[in-house]
Full PDB file with SEQRES, HELIX, SHEET, SSBOND, CRYST1, ORIGX, SCALE, CONECT and MASTER records, all heavy atoms in Angstrom:
SEQRES   1 A   33  PHE ASP ILE GLY VAL GLU ASP THR TRP LEU PRO HIS ASN          
SEQRES   2 A   33  ARG ASP PHE ASP ALA SER LEU THR ARG LEU GLY VAL VAL          
SEQRES   3 A   33  HIS ASP TYR ARG GLU TYR PRO                                  
HELIX    1 AA1 LEU A   10  LEU A   23  1                                  14    
SHEET    1 AA1 2 ASP A   2  GLY A   4  0                                        
SHEET    2 AA1 2 ARG A  30  TYR A  32  1                                        
CRYST1    1.000    1.000    1.000  90.00  90.00  90.00 P 1           1          
ORIGX1      1.000000  0.000000  0.000000        0.00000                         
ORIGX2      0.000000  1.000000  0.000000        0.00000                         
ORIGX3      0.000000  0.000000  1.000000        0.00000                         
SCALE1      1.000000  0.000000  0.000000        0.00000                         
SCALE2      0.000000  1.000000  0.000000        0.00000                         
SCALE3      0.000000  0.000000  1.000000        0.00000                         
ATOM      1  N   PHE A   1      16.466 -57.695  65.641  1.00  0.00           N  
ATOM      2  CA  PHE A   1      16.412 -57.707  64.194  1.00  0.00           C  
ATOM      3  C   PHE A   1      17.833 -57.824  63.649  1.00  0.00           C  
ATOM      4  O   PHE A   1      18.800 -57.379  64.252  1.00  0.00           O  
ATOM      5  CB  PHE A   1      15.696 -56.469  63.645  1.00  0.00           C  
ATOM      6  CG  PHE A   1      16.145 -55.134  64.136  1.00  0.00           C  
ATOM      7  CD1 PHE A   1      16.888 -54.278  63.347  1.00  0.00           C  
ATOM      8  CD2 PHE A   1      15.796 -54.689  65.422  1.00  0.00           C  
ATOM      9  CE1 PHE A   1      17.301 -53.038  63.808  1.00  0.00           C  
ATOM     10  CE2 PHE A   1      16.172 -53.447  65.877  1.00  0.00           C  
ATOM     11  CZ  PHE A   1      16.947 -52.614  65.077  1.00  0.00           C  
ATOM     12  N   ASP A   2      17.919 -58.484  62.501  1.00  0.00           N  
ATOM     13  CA  ASP A   2      19.216 -58.683  61.855  1.00  0.00           C  
ATOM     14  C   ASP A   2      19.064 -58.525  60.336  1.00  0.00           C  
ATOM     15  O   ASP A   2      17.955 -58.583  59.803  1.00  0.00           O  
ATOM     16  CB  ASP A   2      19.809 -60.055  62.218  1.00  0.00           C  
ATOM     17  CG  ASP A   2      18.986 -61.227  61.680  1.00  0.00           C  
ATOM     18  OD1 ASP A   2      18.839 -61.360  60.449  1.00  0.00           O  
ATOM     19  OD2 ASP A   2      18.469 -62.019  62.495  1.00  0.00           O  
ATOM     20  N   ILE A   3      20.204 -58.372  59.683  1.00  0.00           N  
ATOM     21  CA  ILE A   3      20.220 -58.245  58.229  1.00  0.00           C  
ATOM     22  C   ILE A   3      21.595 -58.550  57.693  1.00  0.00           C  
ATOM     23  O   ILE A   3      22.596 -58.402  58.398  1.00  0.00           O  
ATOM     24  CB  ILE A   3      19.768 -56.813  57.815  1.00  0.00           C  
ATOM     25  CG1 ILE A   3      19.490 -56.747  56.315  1.00  0.00           C  
ATOM     26  CG2 ILE A   3      20.827 -55.763  58.243  1.00  0.00           C  
ATOM     27  CD1 ILE A   3      18.689 -55.522  55.892  1.00  0.00           C  
ATOM     28  N   GLY A   4      21.650 -59.015  56.427  1.00  0.00           N  
ATOM     29  CA  GLY A   4      22.909 -59.270  55.779  1.00  0.00           C  
ATOM     30  C   GLY A   4      23.539 -57.984  55.256  1.00  0.00           C  
ATOM     31  O   GLY A   4      22.819 -57.077  54.804  1.00  0.00           O  
ATOM     32  N   VAL A   5      24.844 -57.893  55.306  1.00  0.00           N  
ATOM     33  CA  VAL A   5      25.514 -56.664  54.890  1.00  0.00           C  
ATOM     34  C   VAL A   5      25.469 -56.458  53.376  1.00  0.00           C  
ATOM     35  O   VAL A   5      25.818 -55.383  52.886  1.00  0.00           O  
ATOM     36  CB  VAL A   5      26.974 -56.624  55.384  1.00  0.00           C  
ATOM     37  CG1 VAL A   5      27.033 -56.515  56.888  1.00  0.00           C  
ATOM     38  CG2 VAL A   5      27.756 -57.836  54.883  1.00  0.00           C  
ATOM     39  N   GLU A   6      25.037 -57.476  52.624  1.00  0.00           N  
ATOM     40  CA  GLU A   6      24.865 -57.315  51.176  1.00  0.00           C  
ATOM     41  C   GLU A   6      23.407 -57.093  50.797  1.00  0.00           C  
ATOM     42  O   GLU A   6      23.060 -57.105  49.614  1.00  0.00           O  
ATOM     43  CB  GLU A   6      25.385 -58.583  50.465  1.00  0.00           C  
ATOM     44  CG  GLU A   6      26.867 -58.888  50.734  1.00  0.00           C  
ATOM     45  CD  GLU A   6      27.204 -60.317  50.400  1.00  0.00           C  
ATOM     46  OE1 GLU A   6      26.800 -60.787  49.318  1.00  0.00           O  
ATOM     47  OE2 GLU A   6      27.875 -60.974  51.225  1.00  0.00           O  
ATOM     48  N   ASP A   7      22.564 -56.858  51.776  1.00  0.00           N  
ATOM     49  CA  ASP A   7      21.121 -56.706  51.549  1.00  0.00           C  
ATOM     50  C   ASP A   7      20.781 -55.280  51.159  1.00  0.00           C  
ATOM     51  O   ASP A   7      21.313 -54.313  51.729  1.00  0.00           O  
ATOM     52  CB  ASP A   7      20.371 -57.095  52.822  1.00  0.00           C  
ATOM     53  CG  ASP A   7      18.897 -57.380  52.568  1.00  0.00           C  
ATOM     54  OD1 ASP A   7      18.201 -56.494  52.065  1.00  0.00           O  
ATOM     55  OD2 ASP A   7      18.452 -58.482  52.920  1.00  0.00           O  
ATOM     56  N   THR A   8      19.858 -55.163  50.216  1.00  0.00           N  
ATOM     57  CA  THR A   8      19.377 -53.839  49.772  1.00  0.00           C  
ATOM     58  C   THR A   8      18.844 -53.008  50.927  1.00  0.00           C  
ATOM     59  O   THR A   8      18.998 -51.764  50.929  1.00  0.00           O  
ATOM     60  CB  THR A   8      18.264 -54.029  48.722  1.00  0.00           C  
ATOM     61  OG1 THR A   8      18.769 -54.768  47.623  1.00  0.00           O  
ATOM     62  CG2 THR A   8      17.715 -52.689  48.260  1.00  0.00           C  
ATOM     63  N   TRP A   9      18.235 -53.670  51.910  1.00  0.00           N  
ATOM     64  CA  TRP A   9      17.539 -52.913  52.969  1.00  0.00           C  
ATOM     65  C   TRP A   9      18.405 -52.705  54.192  1.00  0.00           C  
ATOM     66  O   TRP A   9      17.879 -52.353  55.264  1.00  0.00           O  
ATOM     67  CB  TRP A   9      16.239 -53.657  53.305  1.00  0.00           C  
ATOM     68  CG  TRP A   9      15.415 -53.886  52.096  1.00  0.00           C  
ATOM     69  CD1 TRP A   9      15.195 -55.089  51.475  1.00  0.00           C  
ATOM     70  CD2 TRP A   9      14.730 -52.915  51.285  1.00  0.00           C  
ATOM     71  NE1 TRP A   9      14.409 -54.924  50.372  1.00  0.00           N  
ATOM     72  CE2 TRP A   9      14.110 -53.604  50.224  1.00  0.00           C  
ATOM     73  CE3 TRP A   9      14.577 -51.529  51.390  1.00  0.00           C  
ATOM     74  CZ2 TRP A   9      13.362 -52.957  49.262  1.00  0.00           C  
ATOM     75  CZ3 TRP A   9      13.817 -50.880  50.426  1.00  0.00           C  
ATOM     76  CH2 TRP A   9      13.211 -51.589  49.369  1.00  0.00           C  
ATOM     77  N   LEU A  10      19.716 -52.874  54.039  1.00  0.00           N  
ATOM     78  CA  LEU A  10      20.628 -52.636  55.162  1.00  0.00           C  
ATOM     79  C   LEU A  10      20.474 -51.229  55.740  1.00  0.00           C  
ATOM     80  O   LEU A  10      20.407 -51.060  56.966  1.00  0.00           O  
ATOM     81  CB  LEU A  10      22.068 -52.902  54.725  1.00  0.00           C  
ATOM     82  CG  LEU A  10      23.175 -52.622  55.747  1.00  0.00           C  
ATOM     83  CD1 LEU A  10      23.010 -53.513  56.991  1.00  0.00           C  
ATOM     84  CD2 LEU A  10      24.549 -52.841  55.114  1.00  0.00           C  
ATOM     85  N   PRO A  11      20.451 -50.148  54.935  1.00  0.00           N  
ATOM     86  CA  PRO A  11      20.320 -48.802  55.497  1.00  0.00           C  
ATOM     87  C   PRO A  11      19.044 -48.641  56.332  1.00  0.00           C  
ATOM     88  O   PRO A  11      19.031 -47.891  57.316  1.00  0.00           O  
ATOM     89  CB  PRO A  11      20.315 -47.883  54.264  1.00  0.00           C  
ATOM     90  CG  PRO A  11      21.009 -48.688  53.209  1.00  0.00           C  
ATOM     91  CD  PRO A  11      20.614 -50.096  53.464  1.00  0.00           C  
ATOM     92  N   HIS A  12      17.977 -49.319  55.950  1.00  0.00           N  
ATOM     93  CA  HIS A  12      16.724 -49.216  56.673  1.00  0.00           C  
ATOM     94  C   HIS A  12      16.837 -49.798  58.047  1.00  0.00           C  
ATOM     95  O   HIS A  12      16.295 -49.285  59.032  1.00  0.00           O  
ATOM     96  CB  HIS A  12      15.599 -49.907  55.885  1.00  0.00           C  
ATOM     97  CG  HIS A  12      15.283 -49.245  54.590  1.00  0.00           C  
ATOM     98  ND1 HIS A  12      16.169 -49.229  53.530  1.00  0.00           N  
ATOM     99  CD2 HIS A  12      14.182 -48.561  54.165  1.00  0.00           C  
ATOM    100  CE1 HIS A  12      15.613 -48.566  52.519  1.00  0.00           C  
ATOM    101  NE2 HIS A  12      14.433 -48.163  52.881  1.00  0.00           N  
ATOM    102  N   ASN A  13      17.556 -50.911  58.180  1.00  0.00           N  
ATOM    103  CA  ASN A  13      17.755 -51.521  59.506  1.00  0.00           C  
ATOM    104  C   ASN A  13      18.661 -50.670  60.370  1.00  0.00           C  
ATOM    105  O   ASN A  13      18.428 -50.519  61.569  1.00  0.00           O  
ATOM    106  CB  ASN A  13      18.332 -52.940  59.335  1.00  0.00           C  
ATOM    107  CG  ASN A  13      17.263 -53.950  58.941  1.00  0.00           C  
ATOM    108  OD1 ASN A  13      16.863 -54.784  59.731  1.00  0.00           O  
ATOM    109  ND2 ASN A  13      16.811 -53.873  57.716  1.00  0.00           N  
ATOM    110  N   ARG A  14      19.675 -50.088  59.764  1.00  0.00           N  
ATOM    111  CA  ARG A  14      20.568 -49.189  60.544  1.00  0.00           C  
ATOM    112  C   ARG A  14      19.812 -47.965  61.009  1.00  0.00           C  
ATOM    113  O   ARG A  14      20.045 -47.480  62.117  1.00  0.00           O  
ATOM    114  CB  ARG A  14      21.790 -48.817  59.685  1.00  0.00           C  
ATOM    115  CG  ARG A  14      22.755 -49.965  59.472  1.00  0.00           C  
ATOM    116  CD  ARG A  14      23.911 -49.611  58.578  1.00  0.00           C  
ATOM    117  NE  ARG A  14      24.917 -50.674  58.549  1.00  0.00           N  
ATOM    118  CZ  ARG A  14      25.975 -50.700  57.747  1.00  0.00           C  
ATOM    119  NH1 ARG A  14      26.181 -49.660  56.891  1.00  0.00           N  
ATOM    120  NH2 ARG A  14      26.821 -51.692  57.759  1.00  0.00           N  
ATOM    121  N   ASP A  15      18.913 -47.468  60.181  1.00  0.00           N  
ATOM    122  CA  ASP A  15      18.149 -46.297  60.574  1.00  0.00           C  
ATOM    123  C   ASP A  15      17.190 -46.635  61.714  1.00  0.00           C  
ATOM    124  O   ASP A  15      17.053 -45.838  62.669  1.00  0.00           O  
ATOM    125  CB  ASP A  15      17.362 -45.729  59.379  1.00  0.00           C  
ATOM    126  CG  ASP A  15      16.661 -44.431  59.725  1.00  0.00           C  
ATOM    127  OD1 ASP A  15      17.362 -43.443  59.981  1.00  0.00           O  
ATOM    128  OD2 ASP A  15      15.416 -44.406  59.751  1.00  0.00           O  
ATOM    129  N   PHE A  16      16.540 -47.794  61.652  1.00  0.00           N  
ATOM    130  CA  PHE A  16      15.648 -48.194  62.725  1.00  0.00           C  
ATOM    131  C   PHE A  16      16.416 -48.425  64.026  1.00  0.00           C  
ATOM    132  O   PHE A  16      15.968 -48.062  65.110  1.00  0.00           O  
ATOM    133  CB  PHE A  16      14.863 -49.434  62.330  1.00  0.00           C  
ATOM    134  CG  PHE A  16      13.799 -49.836  63.329  1.00  0.00           C  
ATOM    135  CD1 PHE A  16      12.828 -48.959  63.723  1.00  0.00           C  
ATOM    136  CD2 PHE A  16      13.810 -51.116  63.889  1.00  0.00           C  
ATOM    137  CE1 PHE A  16      11.844 -49.318  64.662  1.00  0.00           C  
ATOM    138  CE2 PHE A  16      12.845 -51.501  64.796  1.00  0.00           C  
ATOM    139  CZ  PHE A  16      11.858 -50.617  65.184  1.00  0.00           C  
ATOM    140  N   ASP A  17      17.600 -49.020  63.913  1.00  0.00           N  
ATOM    141  CA  ASP A  17      18.476 -49.171  65.068  1.00  0.00           C  
ATOM    142  C   ASP A  17      18.787 -47.830  65.713  1.00  0.00           C  
ATOM    143  O   ASP A  17      18.690 -47.666  66.938  1.00  0.00           O  
ATOM    144  CB  ASP A  17      19.750 -49.857  64.642  1.00  0.00           C  
ATOM    145  CG  ASP A  17      20.832 -49.888  65.737  1.00  0.00           C  
ATOM    146  OD1 ASP A  17      20.501 -50.227  66.874  1.00  0.00           O  
ATOM    147  OD2 ASP A  17      21.990 -49.560  65.410  1.00  0.00           O  
ATOM    148  N   ALA A  18      19.103 -46.843  64.870  1.00  0.00           N  
ATOM    149  CA  ALA A  18      19.400 -45.504  65.385  1.00  0.00           C  
ATOM    150  C   ALA A  18      18.175 -44.856  66.045  1.00  0.00           C  
ATOM    151  O   ALA A  18      18.285 -44.183  67.063  1.00  0.00           O  
ATOM    152  CB  ALA A  18      19.922 -44.612  64.257  1.00  0.00           C  
ATOM    153  N   SER A  19      16.998 -45.095  65.469  1.00  0.00           N  
ATOM    154  CA  SER A  19      15.748 -44.546  66.025  1.00  0.00           C  
ATOM    155  C   SER A  19      15.478 -45.112  67.394  1.00  0.00           C  
ATOM    156  O   SER A  19      15.118 -44.399  68.327  1.00  0.00           O  
ATOM    157  CB  SER A  19      14.593 -44.798  65.081  1.00  0.00           C  
ATOM    158  OG  SER A  19      14.746 -44.117  63.854  1.00  0.00           O  
ATOM    159  N   LEU A  20      15.605 -46.428  67.544  1.00  0.00           N  
ATOM    160  CA  LEU A  20      15.386 -47.054  68.837  1.00  0.00           C  
ATOM    161  C   LEU A  20      16.402 -46.600  69.861  1.00  0.00           C  
ATOM    162  O   LEU A  20      16.075 -46.387  71.039  1.00  0.00           O  
ATOM    163  CB  LEU A  20      15.395 -48.572  68.705  1.00  0.00           C  
ATOM    164  CG  LEU A  20      14.260 -49.235  67.926  1.00  0.00           C  
ATOM    165  CD1 LEU A  20      14.422 -50.747  67.930  1.00  0.00           C  
ATOM    166  CD2 LEU A  20      12.897 -48.849  68.505  1.00  0.00           C  
ATOM    167  N   THR A  21      17.641 -46.449  69.405  1.00  0.00           N  
ATOM    168  CA  THR A  21      18.705 -45.981  70.304  1.00  0.00           C  
ATOM    169  C   THR A  21      18.399 -44.582  70.836  1.00  0.00           C  
ATOM    170  O   THR A  21      18.577 -44.303  72.041  1.00  0.00           O  
ATOM    171  CB  THR A  21      20.058 -46.013  69.601  1.00  0.00           C  
ATOM    172  OG1 THR A  21      20.352 -47.358  69.175  1.00  0.00           O  
ATOM    173  CG2 THR A  21      21.181 -45.518  70.508  1.00  0.00           C  
ATOM    174  N   ARG A  22      17.931 -43.699  69.960  1.00  0.00           N  
ATOM    175  CA  ARG A  22      17.598 -42.336  70.398  1.00  0.00           C  
ATOM    176  C   ARG A  22      16.443 -42.347  71.406  1.00  0.00           C  
ATOM    177  O   ARG A  22      16.385 -41.525  72.313  1.00  0.00           O  
ATOM    178  CB  ARG A  22      17.223 -41.486  69.187  1.00  0.00           C  
ATOM    179  CG  ARG A  22      18.428 -40.971  68.419  1.00  0.00           C  
ATOM    180  CD  ARG A  22      18.020 -39.925  67.380  1.00  0.00           C  
ATOM    181  NE  ARG A  22      17.260 -40.534  66.295  1.00  0.00           N  
ATOM    182  CZ  ARG A  22      17.811 -41.003  65.173  1.00  0.00           C  
ATOM    183  NH1 ARG A  22      19.133 -40.955  64.982  1.00  0.00           N  
ATOM    184  NH2 ARG A  22      17.076 -41.542  64.226  1.00  0.00           N  
ATOM    185  N   LEU A  23      15.519 -43.335  71.255  1.00  0.00           N  
ATOM    186  CA  LEU A  23      14.403 -43.427  72.184  1.00  0.00           C  
ATOM    187  C   LEU A  23      14.800 -44.100  73.483  1.00  0.00           C  
ATOM    188  O   LEU A  23      14.029 -44.069  74.451  1.00  0.00           O  
ATOM    189  CB  LEU A  23      13.274 -44.220  71.537  1.00  0.00           C  
ATOM    190  CG  LEU A  23      12.374 -43.523  70.530  1.00  0.00           C  
ATOM    191  CD1 LEU A  23      11.410 -44.507  69.893  1.00  0.00           C  
ATOM    192  CD2 LEU A  23      11.602 -42.398  71.213  1.00  0.00           C  
ATOM    193  N   GLY A  24      15.962 -44.690  73.518  1.00  0.00           N  
ATOM    194  CA  GLY A  24      16.420 -45.420  74.691  1.00  0.00           C  
ATOM    195  C   GLY A  24      15.760 -46.771  74.863  1.00  0.00           C  
ATOM    196  O   GLY A  24      15.609 -47.264  75.970  1.00  0.00           O  
ATOM    197  N   VAL A  25      15.355 -47.367  73.742  1.00  0.00           N  
ATOM    198  CA  VAL A  25      14.642 -48.665  73.774  1.00  0.00           C  
ATOM    199  C   VAL A  25      15.651 -49.793  73.726  1.00  0.00           C  
ATOM    200  O   VAL A  25      16.489 -49.866  72.832  1.00  0.00           O  
ATOM    201  CB  VAL A  25      13.667 -48.768  72.577  1.00  0.00           C  
ATOM    202  CG1 VAL A  25      12.972 -50.121  72.571  1.00  0.00           C  
ATOM    203  CG2 VAL A  25      12.652 -47.633  72.615  1.00  0.00           C  
ATOM    204  N   VAL A  26      15.520 -50.710  74.664  1.00  0.00           N  
ATOM    205  CA  VAL A  26      16.372 -51.898  74.688  1.00  0.00           C  
ATOM    206  C   VAL A  26      16.063 -52.736  73.442  1.00  0.00           C  
ATOM    207  O   VAL A  26      14.910 -53.040  73.154  1.00  0.00           O  
ATOM    208  CB  VAL A  26      16.112 -52.739  75.957  1.00  0.00           C  
ATOM    209  CG1 VAL A  26      16.899 -54.026  75.913  1.00  0.00           C  
ATOM    210  CG2 VAL A  26      16.471 -51.931  77.184  1.00  0.00           C  
ATOM    211  N   HIS A  27      17.110 -53.102  72.690  1.00  0.00           N  
ATOM    212  CA  HIS A  27      16.916 -53.958  71.529  1.00  0.00           C  
ATOM    213  C   HIS A  27      18.209 -54.658  71.158  1.00  0.00           C  
ATOM    214  O   HIS A  27      19.289 -54.261  71.616  1.00  0.00           O  
ATOM    215  CB  HIS A  27      16.379 -53.145  70.346  1.00  0.00           C  
ATOM    216  CG  HIS A  27      17.337 -52.084  69.841  1.00  0.00           C  
ATOM    217  ND1 HIS A  27      17.582 -50.906  70.509  1.00  0.00           N  
ATOM    218  CD2 HIS A  27      18.111 -52.040  68.721  1.00  0.00           C  
ATOM    219  CE1 HIS A  27      18.448 -50.183  69.820  1.00  0.00           C  
ATOM    220  NE2 HIS A  27      18.794 -50.860  68.730  1.00  0.00           N  
ATOM    221  N   ASP A  28      18.104 -55.657  70.330  1.00  0.00           N  
ATOM    222  CA  ASP A  28      19.246 -56.458  69.883  1.00  0.00           C  
ATOM    223  C   ASP A  28      19.317 -56.363  68.365  1.00  0.00           C  
ATOM    224  O   ASP A  28      18.420 -56.858  67.664  1.00  0.00           O  
ATOM    225  CB  ASP A  28      19.027 -57.916  70.348  1.00  0.00           C  
ATOM    226  CG  ASP A  28      20.172 -58.850  69.946  1.00  0.00           C  
ATOM    227  OD1 ASP A  28      20.951 -58.489  69.080  1.00  0.00           O  
ATOM    228  OD2 ASP A  28      20.257 -59.937  70.536  1.00  0.00           O  
ATOM    229  N   TYR A  29      20.342 -55.690  67.849  1.00  0.00           N  
ATOM    230  CA  TYR A  29      20.493 -55.503  66.401  1.00  0.00           C  
ATOM    231  C   TYR A  29      21.794 -56.157  65.935  1.00  0.00           C  
ATOM    232  O   TYR A  29      22.845 -55.883  66.533  1.00  0.00           O  
ATOM    233  CB  TYR A  29      20.471 -54.030  66.030  1.00  0.00           C  
ATOM    234  CG  TYR A  29      20.807 -53.776  64.571  1.00  0.00           C  
ATOM    235  CD1 TYR A  29      20.107 -54.409  63.564  1.00  0.00           C  
ATOM    236  CD2 TYR A  29      21.834 -52.911  64.228  1.00  0.00           C  
ATOM    237  CE1 TYR A  29      20.424 -54.182  62.219  1.00  0.00           C  
ATOM    238  CE2 TYR A  29      22.166 -52.682  62.910  1.00  0.00           C  
ATOM    239  CZ  TYR A  29      21.450 -53.327  61.894  1.00  0.00           C  
ATOM    240  OH  TYR A  29      21.764 -53.116  60.581  1.00  0.00           O  
ATOM    241  N   ARG A  30      21.741 -56.949  64.880  1.00  0.00           N  
ATOM    242  CA  ARG A  30      22.937 -57.623  64.383  1.00  0.00           C  
ATOM    243  C   ARG A  30      23.013 -57.571  62.862  1.00  0.00           C  
ATOM    244  O   ARG A  30      21.991 -57.638  62.180  1.00  0.00           O  
ATOM    245  CB  ARG A  30      22.934 -59.091  64.853  1.00  0.00           C  
ATOM    246  CG  ARG A  30      22.908 -59.199  66.389  1.00  0.00           C  
ATOM    247  CD  ARG A  30      22.804 -60.636  66.844  1.00  0.00           C  
ATOM    248  NE  ARG A  30      22.638 -60.674  68.283  1.00  0.00           N  
ATOM    249  CZ  ARG A  30      23.518 -61.241  69.118  1.00  0.00           C  
ATOM    250  NH1 ARG A  30      24.609 -61.799  68.658  1.00  0.00           N  
ATOM    251  NH2 ARG A  30      23.282 -61.245  70.407  1.00  0.00           N  
ATOM    252  N   GLU A  31      24.235 -57.475  62.378  1.00  0.00           N  
ATOM    253  CA  GLU A  31      24.508 -57.571  60.931  1.00  0.00           C  
ATOM    254  C   GLU A  31      25.442 -58.763  60.712  1.00  0.00           C  
ATOM    255  O   GLU A  31      26.371 -59.004  61.481  1.00  0.00           O  
ATOM    256  CB  GLU A  31      25.195 -56.295  60.432  1.00  0.00           C  
ATOM    257  CG  GLU A  31      24.294 -55.053  60.555  1.00  0.00           C  
ATOM    258  CD  GLU A  31      25.016 -53.772  60.166  1.00  0.00           C  
ATOM    259  OE1 GLU A  31      26.188 -53.856  59.710  1.00  0.00           O  
ATOM    260  OE2 GLU A  31      24.417 -52.697  60.314  1.00  0.00           O  
ATOM    261  N   TYR A  32      25.146 -59.505  59.629  1.00  0.00           N  
ATOM    262  CA  TYR A  32      25.901 -60.700  59.307  1.00  0.00           C  
ATOM    263  C   TYR A  32      26.275 -60.688  57.830  1.00  0.00           C  
ATOM    264  O   TYR A  32      25.698 -59.949  57.033  1.00  0.00           O  
ATOM    265  CB  TYR A  32      25.086 -61.968  59.569  1.00  0.00           C  
ATOM    266  CG  TYR A  32      24.653 -62.193  60.982  1.00  0.00           C  
ATOM    267  CD1 TYR A  32      23.344 -61.905  61.391  1.00  0.00           C  
ATOM    268  CD2 TYR A  32      25.531 -62.695  61.929  1.00  0.00           C  
ATOM    269  CE1 TYR A  32      22.937 -62.143  62.695  1.00  0.00           C  
ATOM    270  CE2 TYR A  32      25.128 -62.931  63.246  1.00  0.00           C  
ATOM    271  CZ  TYR A  32      23.833 -62.657  63.610  1.00  0.00           C  
ATOM    272  OH  TYR A  32      23.433 -62.888  64.899  1.00  0.00           O  
ATOM    273  N   PRO A  33      27.210 -61.536  57.397  1.00  0.00           N  
ATOM    274  CA  PRO A  33      27.434 -61.723  55.982  1.00  0.00           C  
ATOM    275  C   PRO A  33      26.158 -62.282  55.341  1.00  0.00           C  
ATOM    276  O   PRO A  33      25.434 -63.066  55.982  1.00  0.00           O  
ATOM    277  CB  PRO A  33      28.562 -62.756  55.917  1.00  0.00           C  
ATOM    278  CG  PRO A  33      29.218 -62.698  57.257  1.00  0.00           C  
ATOM    279  CD  PRO A  33      28.146 -62.341  58.236  1.00  0.00           C  
TER     280      PRO A  33                                                      
MASTER        0    0    0    1    2    0    0    6  279    1    0    3          
END                                                                             
């Protein structure tokens, strides 16, 4: 999953990234302009 750093929903993607990381789930997360 990816998201722009000017996007309203940026915190939501960062939170989901953190949730998957805590679970130890392999995933690919990226932020772009």
